[in-house]
Amino acid sequence: MSRIVGRELIVRDNKRFHHFKDGKCSCGDYW
C-alpha cells in the first residue's frame, strides 16, 4: 500500500511505515 501526499510518499510495509521525502526514506534508505 502506498500513498502520495504532495511530494512525500508514505509506504506501508507489513509492520512498519516507510516515509519518503525528496527521495530519502525515514529509515535511512534511498530510492
PDB file of N, CA and C in Angstrom:
ATOM      1  N   MET A   1       0.849  -1.192   0.000  1.00  0.00           N
ATOM      2  CA  MET A   1       0.000   0.000   0.000  1.00  0.00           C
ATOM      3  C   MET A   1       0.887   1.246   0.000  1.00  0.00           C
ATOM      4  N   SER A   2       0.618   2.140  -0.883  1.00  0.00           N
ATOM      5  CA  SER A   2       1.388   3.381  -0.927  1.00  0.00           C
ATOM      6  C   SER A   2       0.466   4.553  -1.177  1.00  0.00           C
ATOM      7  N   ARG A   3       0.877   5.697  -0.722  1.00  0.00           N
ATOM      8  CA  ARG A   3       0.039   6.877  -0.849  1.00  0.00           C
ATOM      9  C   ARG A   3       0.939   8.080  -1.062  1.00  0.00           C
ATOM     10  N   ILE A   4       0.590   8.903  -2.007  1.00  0.00           N
ATOM     11  CA  ILE A   4       1.400  10.080  -2.298  1.00  0.00           C
ATOM     12  C   ILE A   4       0.718  11.324  -1.736  1.00  0.00           C
ATOM     13  N   VAL A   5       1.439  12.035  -0.895  1.00  0.00           N
ATOM     14  CA  VAL A   5       0.913  13.257  -0.297  1.00  0.00           C
ATOM     15  C   VAL A   5       1.853  14.396  -0.671  1.00  0.00           C
ATOM     16  N   GLY A   6       1.447  15.196  -1.609  1.00  0.00           N
ATOM     17  CA  GLY A   6       2.319  16.265  -2.081  1.00  0.00           C
ATOM     18  C   GLY A   6       3.550  15.665  -2.741  1.00  0.00           C
ATOM     19  N   ARG A   7       4.724  15.979  -2.230  1.00  0.00           N
ATOM     20  CA  ARG A   7       5.962  15.392  -2.739  1.00  0.00           C
ATOM     21  C   ARG A   7       6.448  14.291  -1.826  1.00  0.00           C
ATOM     22  N   GLU A   8       5.648  13.944  -0.830  1.00  0.00           N
ATOM     23  CA  GLU A   8       6.039  12.913   0.117  1.00  0.00           C
ATOM     24  C   GLU A   8       5.357  11.603  -0.241  1.00  0.00           C
ATOM     25  N   LEU A   9       6.021  10.520   0.051  1.00  0.00           N
ATOM     26  CA  LEU A   9       5.469   9.207  -0.249  1.00  0.00           C
ATOM     27  C   LEU A   9       5.473   8.360   1.016  1.00  0.00           C
ATOM     28  N   ILE A  10       4.313   7.839   1.355  1.00  0.00           N
ATOM     29  CA  ILE A  10       4.204   7.006   2.544  1.00  0.00           C
ATOM     30  C   ILE A  10       3.915   5.576   2.105  1.00  0.00           C
ATOM     31  N   VAL A  11       4.780   4.657   2.502  1.00  0.00           N
ATOM     32  CA  VAL A  11       4.621   3.264   2.108  1.00  0.00           C
ATOM     33  C   VAL A  11       4.460   2.413   3.356  1.00  0.00           C
ATOM     34  N   ARG A  12       3.417   1.594   3.365  1.00  0.00           N
ATOM     35  CA  ARG A  12       3.197   0.712   4.494  1.00  0.00           C
ATOM     36  C   ARG A  12       3.722  -0.677   4.141  1.00  0.00           C
ATOM     37  N   ASP A  13       4.644  -1.175   4.947  1.00  0.00           N
ATOM     38  CA  ASP A  13       5.252  -2.472   4.688  1.00  0.00           C
ATOM     39  C   ASP A  13       5.025  -3.389   5.890  1.00  0.00           C
ATOM     40  N   ASN A  14       3.920  -4.110   5.859  1.00  0.00           N
ATOM     41  CA  ASN A  14       3.562  -5.039   6.925  1.00  0.00           C
ATOM     42  C   ASN A  14       3.569  -4.366   8.300  1.00  0.00           C
ATOM     43  N   LYS A  15       4.678  -4.451   9.012  1.00  0.00           N
ATOM     44  CA  LYS A  15       4.717  -3.962  10.394  1.00  0.00           C
ATOM     45  C   LYS A  15       5.356  -2.594  10.533  1.00  0.00           C
ATOM     46  N   ARG A  16       5.809  -2.005   9.446  1.00  0.00           N
ATOM     47  CA  ARG A  16       6.445  -0.702   9.579  1.00  0.00           C
ATOM     48  C   ARG A  16       6.019   0.241   8.480  1.00  0.00           C
ATOM     49  N   PHE A  17       6.215   1.494   8.719  1.00  0.00           N
ATOM     50  CA  PHE A  17       5.886   2.521   7.744  1.00  0.00           C
ATOM     51  C   PHE A  17       7.166   3.140   7.209  1.00  0.00           C
ATOM     52  N   HIS A  18       7.216   3.307   5.902  1.00  0.00           N
ATOM     53  CA  HIS A  18       8.349   3.984   5.289  1.00  0.00           C
ATOM     54  C   HIS A  18       7.864   5.341   4.813  1.00  0.00           C
ATOM     55  N   HIS A  19       8.532   6.357   5.236  1.00  0.00           N
ATOM     56  CA  HIS A  19       8.117   7.707   4.866  1.00  0.00           C
ATOM     57  C   HIS A  19       9.188   8.326   3.990  1.00  0.00           C
ATOM     58  N   PHE A  20       8.863   8.514   2.707  1.00  0.00           N
ATOM     59  CA  PHE A  20       9.816   9.071   1.761  1.00  0.00           C
ATOM     60  C   PHE A  20       9.568  10.561   1.575  1.00  0.00           C
ATOM     61  N   LYS A  21      10.626  11.325   1.598  1.00  0.00           N
ATOM     62  CA  LYS A  21      10.517  12.750   1.328  1.00  0.00           C
ATOM     63  C   LYS A  21      11.740  13.174   0.528  1.00  0.00           C
ATOM     64  N   ASP A  22      11.512  13.701  -0.677  1.00  0.00           N
ATOM     65  CA  ASP A  22      12.593  14.095  -1.580  1.00  0.00           C
ATOM     66  C   ASP A  22      13.536  12.934  -1.856  1.00  0.00           C
ATOM     67  N   GLY A  23      13.002  11.707  -1.899  1.00  0.00           N
ATOM     68  CA  GLY A  23      13.804  10.539  -2.239  1.00  0.00           C
ATOM     69  C   GLY A  23      14.524   9.906  -1.064  1.00  0.00           C
ATOM     70  N   LYS A  24      14.351  10.459   0.115  1.00  0.00           N
ATOM     71  CA  LYS A  24      15.013   9.890   1.289  1.00  0.00           C
ATOM     72  C   LYS A  24      13.972   9.293   2.226  1.00  0.00           C
ATOM     73  N   CYS A  25      14.224   8.050   2.605  1.00  0.00           N
ATOM     74  CA  CYS A  25      13.270   7.372   3.477  1.00  0.00           C
ATOM     75  C   CYS A  25      13.568   7.692   4.935  1.00  0.00           C
ATOM     76  N   SER A  26      12.539   7.622   5.761  1.00  0.00           N
ATOM     77  CA  SER A  26      12.699   7.919   7.174  1.00  0.00           C
ATOM     78  C   SER A  26      13.577   6.873   7.861  1.00  0.00           C
ATOM     79  N   CYS A  27      13.679   5.679   7.268  1.00  0.00           N
ATOM     80  CA  CYS A  27      14.503   4.625   7.862  1.00  0.00           C
ATOM     81  C   CYS A  27      15.936   4.706   7.349  1.00  0.00           C
ATOM     82  N   GLY A  28      16.231   5.683   6.520  1.00  0.00           N
ATOM     83  CA  GLY A  28      17.595   5.899   6.058  1.00  0.00           C
ATOM     84  C   GLY A  28      17.868   5.356   4.657  1.00  0.00           C
ATOM     85  N   ASP A  29      16.869   4.700   4.052  1.00  0.00           N
ATOM     86  CA  ASP A  29      17.058   4.168   2.702  1.00  0.00           C
ATOM     87  C   ASP A  29      16.842   5.246   1.649  1.00  0.00           C
ATOM     88  N   TYR A  30      17.440   5.028   0.499  1.00  0.00           N
ATOM     89  CA  TYR A  30      17.249   5.952  -0.620  1.00  0.00           C
ATOM     90  C   TYR A  30      16.566   5.216  -1.758  1.00  0.00           C
ATOM     91  N   TRP A  31      15.829   5.934  -2.574  1.00  0.00           N
ATOM     92  CA  TRP A  31      15.162   5.312  -3.734  1.00  0.00           C
ATOM     93  C   TRP A  31      15.312   6.192  -4.939  1.00  0.00           C
TER      94      TRP A  31
END
